[in-house]
Amino acid sequence: MEKGWVEVYHTAHEYKATMAADLLENEGIKAILLNQHDSAYQTFGEIVVYVNANDEQKALELLKDLKH
């Protein structure tokens, strides 16, 4: 991931990562999803949500009740 972006959420479920990213986007925070699932075995790996470091605290607050 490029410098200046921080991880704020991770999950093994794509729909949960999409929900997290949508929640952030609705609050004006740009979110990037990075799918780290194994290409051969989709049950291994996670999807990580990144935001700009300047938005980290607000993003963490918004996502605190979302289960991984």
PDB file of N, CA and C in Angstrom:
ATOM      1  N   MET A   1       0.852  -1.180   0.000  1.00  0.00           N
ATOM      2  CA  MET A   1       0.000   0.000   0.000  1.00  0.00           C
ATOM      3  C   MET A   1       0.894   1.239   0.000  1.00  0.00           C
ATOM      4  N   GLU A   2       0.430   2.252  -0.671  1.00  0.00           N
ATOM      5  CA  GLU A   2       1.201   3.487  -0.780  1.00  0.00           C
ATOM      6  C   GLU A   2       1.361   4.165   0.573  1.00  0.00           C
ATOM      7  N   LYS A   3       2.389   4.945   0.687  1.00  0.00           N
ATOM      8  CA  LYS A   3       2.660   5.688   1.906  1.00  0.00           C
ATOM      9  C   LYS A   3       1.514   6.665   2.183  1.00  0.00           C
ATOM     10  N   GLY A   4       1.149   6.816   3.430  1.00  0.00           N
ATOM     11  CA  GLY A   4       0.086   7.736   3.804  1.00  0.00           C
ATOM     12  C   GLY A   4      -1.262   7.072   3.985  1.00  0.00           C
ATOM     13  N   TRP A   5      -1.356   5.751   3.718  1.00  0.00           N
ATOM     14  CA  TRP A   5      -2.595   5.011   3.884  1.00  0.00           C
ATOM     15  C   TRP A   5      -2.430   4.031   5.036  1.00  0.00           C
ATOM     16  N   VAL A   6      -3.473   3.876   5.848  1.00  0.00           N
ATOM     17  CA  VAL A   6      -3.401   2.989   7.009  1.00  0.00           C
ATOM     18  C   VAL A   6      -4.571   2.012   7.000  1.00  0.00           C
ATOM     19  N   GLU A   7      -4.327   0.843   7.547  1.00  0.00           N
ATOM     20  CA  GLU A   7      -5.369  -0.177   7.661  1.00  0.00           C
ATOM     21  C   GLU A   7      -6.306   0.183   8.808  1.00  0.00           C
ATOM     22  N   VAL A   8      -7.615   0.141   8.535  1.00  0.00           N
ATOM     23  CA  VAL A   8      -8.585   0.422   9.591  1.00  0.00           C
ATOM     24  C   VAL A   8      -9.561  -0.734   9.814  1.00  0.00           C
ATOM     25  N   TYR A   9      -9.547  -1.714   8.918  1.00  0.00           N
ATOM     26  CA  TYR A   9     -10.480  -2.829   9.040  1.00  0.00           C
ATOM     27  C   TYR A   9      -9.981  -3.988   8.198  1.00  0.00           C
ATOM     28  N   HIS A  10     -10.213  -5.209   8.674  1.00  0.00           N
ATOM     29  CA  HIS A  10      -9.903  -6.391   7.874  1.00  0.00           C
ATOM     30  C   HIS A  10     -10.900  -7.498   8.202  1.00  0.00           C
ATOM     31  N   THR A  11     -11.186  -8.315   7.223  1.00  0.00           N
ATOM     32  CA  THR A  11     -12.136  -9.401   7.381  1.00  0.00           C
ATOM     33  C   THR A  11     -11.881 -10.451   6.300  1.00  0.00           C
ATOM     34  N   ALA A  12     -12.387 -11.626   6.538  1.00  0.00           N
ATOM     35  CA  ALA A  12     -12.291 -12.685   5.535  1.00  0.00           C
ATOM     36  C   ALA A  12     -13.478 -12.644   4.571  1.00  0.00           C
ATOM     37  N   HIS A  13     -14.456 -11.788   4.874  1.00  0.00           N
ATOM     38  CA  HIS A  13     -15.688 -11.737   4.089  1.00  0.00           C
ATOM     39  C   HIS A  13     -15.755 -10.462   3.255  1.00  0.00           C
ATOM     40  N   GLU A  14     -15.876 -10.646   1.939  1.00  0.00           N
ATOM     41  CA  GLU A  14     -15.899  -9.499   1.031  1.00  0.00           C
ATOM     42  C   GLU A  14     -17.072  -8.560   1.309  1.00  0.00           C
ATOM     43  N   TYR A  15     -18.237  -9.113   1.615  1.00  0.00           N
ATOM     44  CA  TYR A  15     -19.399  -8.264   1.852  1.00  0.00           C
ATOM     45  C   TYR A  15     -19.212  -7.368   3.076  1.00  0.00           C
ATOM     46  N   LYS A  16     -18.507  -7.862   4.110  1.00  0.00           N
ATOM     47  CA  LYS A  16     -18.249  -7.034   5.294  1.00  0.00           C
ATOM     48  C   LYS A  16     -17.274  -5.903   4.975  1.00  0.00           C
ATOM     49  N   ALA A  17     -16.266  -6.201   4.175  1.00  0.00           N
ATOM     50  CA  ALA A  17     -15.311  -5.168   3.779  1.00  0.00           C
ATOM     51  C   ALA A  17     -15.996  -4.108   2.935  1.00  0.00           C
ATOM     52  N   THR A  18     -16.896  -4.542   2.056  1.00  0.00           N
ATOM     53  CA  THR A  18     -17.643  -3.595   1.222  1.00  0.00           C
ATOM     54  C   THR A  18     -18.557  -2.731   2.078  1.00  0.00           C
ATOM     55  N   MET A  19     -19.194  -3.325   3.076  1.00  0.00           N
ATOM     56  CA  MET A  19     -20.040  -2.558   3.994  1.00  0.00           C
ATOM     57  C   MET A  19     -19.215  -1.504   4.738  1.00  0.00           C
ATOM     58  N   ALA A  20     -18.028  -1.891   5.200  1.00  0.00           N
ATOM     59  CA  ALA A  20     -17.156  -0.960   5.916  1.00  0.00           C
ATOM     60  C   ALA A  20     -16.747   0.192   5.001  1.00  0.00           C
ATOM     61  N   ALA A  21     -16.349  -0.136   3.781  1.00  0.00           N
ATOM     62  CA  ALA A  21     -15.926   0.894   2.832  1.00  0.00           C
ATOM     63  C   ALA A  21     -17.083   1.824   2.489  1.00  0.00           C
ATOM     64  N   ASP A  22     -18.275   1.260   2.297  1.00  0.00           N
ATOM     65  CA  ASP A  22     -19.452   2.081   1.992  1.00  0.00           C
ATOM     66  C   ASP A  22     -19.781   3.023   3.146  1.00  0.00           C
ATOM     67  N   LEU A  23     -19.690   2.518   4.360  1.00  0.00           N
ATOM     68  CA  LEU A  23     -19.943   3.353   5.536  1.00  0.00           C
ATOM     69  C   LEU A  23     -18.981   4.532   5.575  1.00  0.00           C
ATOM     70  N   LEU A  24     -17.717   4.266   5.323  1.00  0.00           N
ATOM     71  CA  LEU A  24     -16.712   5.328   5.320  1.00  0.00           C
ATOM     72  C   LEU A  24     -16.962   6.329   4.192  1.00  0.00           C
ATOM     73  N   GLU A  25     -17.234   5.816   3.001  1.00  0.00           N
ATOM     74  CA  GLU A  25     -17.489   6.685   1.842  1.00  0.00           C
ATOM     75  C   GLU A  25     -18.699   7.590   2.089  1.00  0.00           C
ATOM     76  N   ASN A  26     -19.736   7.053   2.749  1.00  0.00           N
ATOM     77  CA  ASN A  26     -20.920   7.846   3.056  1.00  0.00           C
ATOM     78  C   ASN A  26     -20.619   8.983   4.023  1.00  0.00           C
ATOM     79  N   GLU A  27     -19.539   8.851   4.776  1.00  0.00           N
ATOM     80  CA  GLU A  27     -19.120   9.894   5.715  1.00  0.00           C
ATOM     81  C   GLU A  27     -18.027  10.782   5.121  1.00  0.00           C
ATOM     82  N   GLY A  28     -17.757  10.610   3.828  1.00  0.00           N
ATOM     83  CA  GLY A  28     -16.792  11.459   3.147  1.00  0.00           C
ATOM     84  C   GLY A  28     -15.346  11.015   3.273  1.00  0.00           C
ATOM     85  N   ILE A  29     -15.135   9.764   3.677  1.00  0.00           N
ATOM     86  CA  ILE A  29     -13.779   9.228   3.836  1.00  0.00           C
ATOM     87  C   ILE A  29     -13.502   8.272   2.684  1.00  0.00           C
ATOM     88  N   LYS A  30     -12.470   8.548   1.893  1.00  0.00           N
ATOM     89  CA  LYS A  30     -12.094   7.669   0.784  1.00  0.00           C
ATOM     90  C   LYS A  30     -11.506   6.384   1.348  1.00  0.00           C
ATOM     91  N   ALA A  31     -12.053   5.266   0.907  1.00  0.00           N
ATOM     92  CA  ALA A  31     -11.596   3.961   1.373  1.00  0.00           C
ATOM     93  C   ALA A  31     -11.137   3.116   0.193  1.00  0.00           C
ATOM     94  N   ILE A  32     -10.090   2.347   0.409  1.00  0.00           N
ATOM     95  CA  ILE A  32      -9.551   1.452  -0.609  1.00  0.00           C
ATOM     96  C   ILE A  32      -9.584   0.034  -0.057  1.00  0.00           C
ATOM     97  N   LEU A  33     -10.095  -0.893  -0.860  1.00  0.00           N
ATOM     98  CA  LEU A  33     -10.118  -2.303  -0.480  1.00  0.00           C
ATOM     99  C   LEU A  33      -8.943  -3.018  -1.139  1.00  0.00           C
ATOM    100  N   LEU A  34      -8.259  -3.843  -0.374  1.00  0.00           N
ATOM    101  CA  LEU A  34      -7.178  -4.664  -0.902  1.00  0.00           C
ATOM    102  C   LEU A  34      -7.510  -6.121  -0.613  1.00  0.00           C
ATOM    103  N   ASN A  35      -7.811  -6.865  -1.655  1.00  0.00           N
ATOM    104  CA  ASN A  35      -8.192  -8.257  -1.523  1.00  0.00           C
ATOM    105  C   ASN A  35      -6.925  -9.109  -1.464  1.00  0.00           C
ATOM    106  N   GLN A  36      -6.710  -9.757  -0.323  1.00  0.00           N
ATOM    107  CA  GLN A  36      -5.528 -10.595  -0.140  1.00  0.00           C
ATOM    108  C   GLN A  36      -5.888 -12.082  -0.097  1.00  0.00           C
ATOM    109  N   HIS A  37      -7.073 -12.427  -0.646  1.00  0.00           N
ATOM    110  CA  HIS A  37      -7.467 -13.828  -0.710  1.00  0.00           C
ATOM    111  C   HIS A  37      -6.523 -14.583  -1.633  1.00  0.00           C
ATOM    112  N   ASP A  38      -6.239 -15.806  -1.273  1.00  0.00           N
ATOM    113  CA  ASP A  38      -5.446 -16.689  -2.109  1.00  0.00           C
ATOM    114  C   ASP A  38      -6.232 -16.960  -3.389  1.00  0.00           C
ATOM    115  N   SER A  39      -5.597 -16.878  -4.521  1.00  0.00           N
ATOM    116  CA  SER A  39      -6.308 -17.056  -5.794  1.00  0.00           C
ATOM    117  C   SER A  39      -6.803 -18.488  -5.993  1.00  0.00           C
ATOM    118  N   ALA A  40      -6.145 -19.461  -5.410  1.00  0.00           N
ATOM    119  CA  ALA A  40      -6.560 -20.852  -5.574  1.00  0.00           C
ATOM    120  C   ALA A  40      -7.542 -21.289  -4.489  1.00  0.00           C
ATOM    121  N   TYR A  41      -7.395 -20.732  -3.288  1.00  0.00           N
ATOM    122  CA  TYR A  41      -8.238 -21.111  -2.153  1.00  0.00           C
ATOM    123  C   TYR A  41      -8.840 -19.855  -1.544  1.00  0.00           C
ATOM    124  N   GLN A  42     -10.038 -19.510  -1.990  1.00  0.00           N
ATOM    125  CA  GLN A  42     -10.676 -18.258  -1.567  1.00  0.00           C
ATOM    126  C   GLN A  42     -10.992 -18.197  -0.077  1.00  0.00           C
ATOM    127  N   THR A  43     -10.867 -19.307   0.634  1.00  0.00           N
ATOM    128  CA  THR A  43     -11.135 -19.286   2.069  1.00  0.00           C
ATOM    129  C   THR A  43      -9.927 -18.812   2.863  1.00  0.00           C
ATOM    130  N   PHE A  44      -8.783 -18.666   2.217  1.00  0.00           N
ATOM    131  CA  PHE A  44      -7.572 -18.188   2.886  1.00  0.00           C
ATOM    132  C   PHE A  44      -7.308 -16.735   2.514  1.00  0.00           C
ATOM    133  N   GLY A  45      -6.944 -15.954   3.512  1.00  0.00           N
ATOM    134  CA  GLY A  45      -6.619 -14.556   3.262  1.00  0.00           C
ATOM    135  C   GLY A  45      -7.731 -13.633   3.710  1.00  0.00           C
ATOM    136  N   GLU A  46      -7.451 -12.355   3.646  1.00  0.00           N
ATOM    137  CA  GLU A  46      -8.401 -11.353   4.108  1.00  0.00           C
ATOM    138  C   GLU A  46      -8.534 -10.223   3.108  1.00  0.00           C
ATOM    139  N   ILE A  47      -9.549  -9.427   3.330  1.00  0.00           N
ATOM    140  CA  ILE A  47      -9.742  -8.194   2.578  1.00  0.00           C
ATOM    141  C   ILE A  47      -9.513  -7.065   3.574  1.00  0.00           C
ATOM    142  N   VAL A  48      -8.651  -6.140   3.203  1.00  0.00           N
ATOM    143  CA  VAL A  48      -8.251  -5.062   4.100  1.00  0.00           C
ATOM    144  C   VAL A  48      -8.778  -3.734   3.571  1.00  0.00           C
ATOM    145  N   VAL A  49      -9.283  -2.902   4.495  1.00  0.00           N
ATOM    146  CA  VAL A  49      -9.771  -1.579   4.152  1.00  0.00           C
ATOM    147  C   VAL A  49      -8.742  -0.558   4.630  1.00  0.00           C
ATOM    148  N   TYR A  50      -8.322   0.301   3.710  1.00  0.00           N
ATOM    149  CA  TYR A  50      -7.352   1.346   4.016  1.00  0.00           C
ATOM    150  C   TYR A  50      -7.996   2.723   3.839  1.00  0.00           C
ATOM    151  N   VAL A  51      -7.543   3.674   4.654  1.00  0.00           N
ATOM    152  CA  VAL A  51      -7.946   5.073   4.506  1.00  0.00           C
ATOM    153  C   VAL A  51      -6.694   5.938   4.608  1.00  0.00           C
ATOM    154  N   ASN A  52      -6.827   7.180   4.194  1.00  0.00           N
ATOM    155  CA  ASN A  52      -5.732   8.132   4.345  1.00  0.00           C
ATOM    156  C   ASN A  52      -5.436   8.286   5.833  1.00  0.00           C
ATOM    157  N   ALA A  53      -4.173   8.401   6.184  1.00  0.00           N
ATOM    158  CA  ALA A  53      -3.766   8.510   7.585  1.00  0.00           C
ATOM    159  C   ALA A  53      -4.460   9.668   8.298  1.00  0.00           C
ATOM    160  N   ASN A  54      -4.784  10.733   7.580  1.00  0.00           N
ATOM    161  CA  ASN A  54      -5.463  11.874   8.188  1.00  0.00           C
ATOM    162  C   ASN A  54      -6.879  11.528   8.642  1.00  0.00           C
ATOM    163  N   ASP A  55      -7.480  10.491   8.073  1.00  0.00           N
ATOM    164  CA  ASP A  55      -8.840  10.088   8.404  1.00  0.00           C
ATOM    165  C   ASP A  55      -8.903   8.885   9.341  1.00  0.00           C
ATOM    166  N   GLU A  56      -7.757   8.418   9.794  1.00  0.00           N
ATOM    167  CA  GLU A  56      -7.696   7.177  10.566  1.00  0.00           C
ATOM    168  C   GLU A  56      -8.581   7.203  11.810  1.00  0.00           C
ATOM    169  N   GLN A  57      -8.466   8.206  12.646  1.00  0.00           N
ATOM    170  CA  GLN A  57      -9.228   8.231  13.896  1.00  0.00           C
ATOM    171  C   GLN A  57     -10.735   8.256  13.654  1.00  0.00           C
ATOM    172  N   LYS A  58     -11.172   9.081  12.725  1.00  0.00           N
ATOM    173  CA  LYS A  58     -12.600   9.152  12.408  1.00  0.00           C
ATOM    174  C   LYS A  58     -13.089   7.817  11.859  1.00  0.00           C
ATOM    175  N   ALA A  59     -12.295   7.196  10.992  1.00  0.00           N
ATOM    176  CA  ALA A  59     -12.668   5.907  10.405  1.00  0.00           C
ATOM    177  C   ALA A  59     -12.772   4.824  11.484  1.00  0.00           C
ATOM    178  N   LEU A  60     -11.813   4.778  12.376  1.00  0.00           N
ATOM    179  CA  LEU A  60     -11.844   3.784  13.448  1.00  0.00           C
ATOM    180  C   LEU A  60     -13.066   3.973  14.333  1.00  0.00           C
ATOM    181  N   GLU A  61     -13.418   5.201  14.603  1.00  0.00           N
ATOM    182  CA  GLU A  61     -14.606   5.491  15.412  1.00  0.00           C
ATOM    183  C   GLU A  61     -15.871   5.007  14.691  1.00  0.00           C
ATOM    184  N   LEU A  62     -15.961   5.266  13.399  1.00  0.00           N
ATOM    185  CA  LEU A  62     -17.128   4.844  12.632  1.00  0.00           C
ATOM    186  C   LEU A  62     -17.245   3.323  12.543  1.00  0.00           C
ATOM    187  N   LEU A  63     -16.116   2.653  12.518  1.00  0.00           N
ATOM    188  CA  LEU A  63     -16.111   1.201  12.325  1.00  0.00           C
ATOM    189  C   LEU A  63     -16.037   0.399  13.614  1.00  0.00           C
ATOM    190  N   LYS A  64     -16.012   1.067  14.761  1.00  0.00           N
ATOM    191  CA  LYS A  64     -15.761   0.355  16.014  1.00  0.00           C
ATOM    192  C   LYS A  64     -16.809  -0.713  16.340  1.00  0.00           C
ATOM    193  N   ASP A  65     -18.033  -0.540  15.879  1.00  0.00           N
ATOM    194  CA  ASP A  65     -19.079  -1.526  16.173  1.00  0.00           C
ATOM    195  C   ASP A  65     -19.243  -2.584  15.100  1.00  0.00           C
ATOM    196  N   LEU A  66     -18.469  -2.487  14.037  1.00  0.00           N
ATOM    197  CA  LEU A  66     -18.540  -3.466  12.951  1.00  0.00           C
ATOM    198  C   LEU A  66     -17.638  -4.652  13.299  1.00  0.00           C
ATOM    199  N   LYS A  67     -18.215  -5.823  13.317  1.00  0.00           N
ATOM    200  CA  LYS A  67     -17.451  -7.023  13.661  1.00  0.00           C
ATOM    201  C   LYS A  67     -16.612  -7.485  12.484  1.00  0.00           C
ATOM    202  N   HIS A  68     -15.432  -8.021  12.774  1.00  0.00           N
ATOM    203  CA  HIS A  68     -14.533  -8.531  11.731  1.00  0.00           C
ATOM    204  C   HIS A  68     -15.016  -9.895  11.368  1.00  0.00           C
TER     205      HIS A  68
END
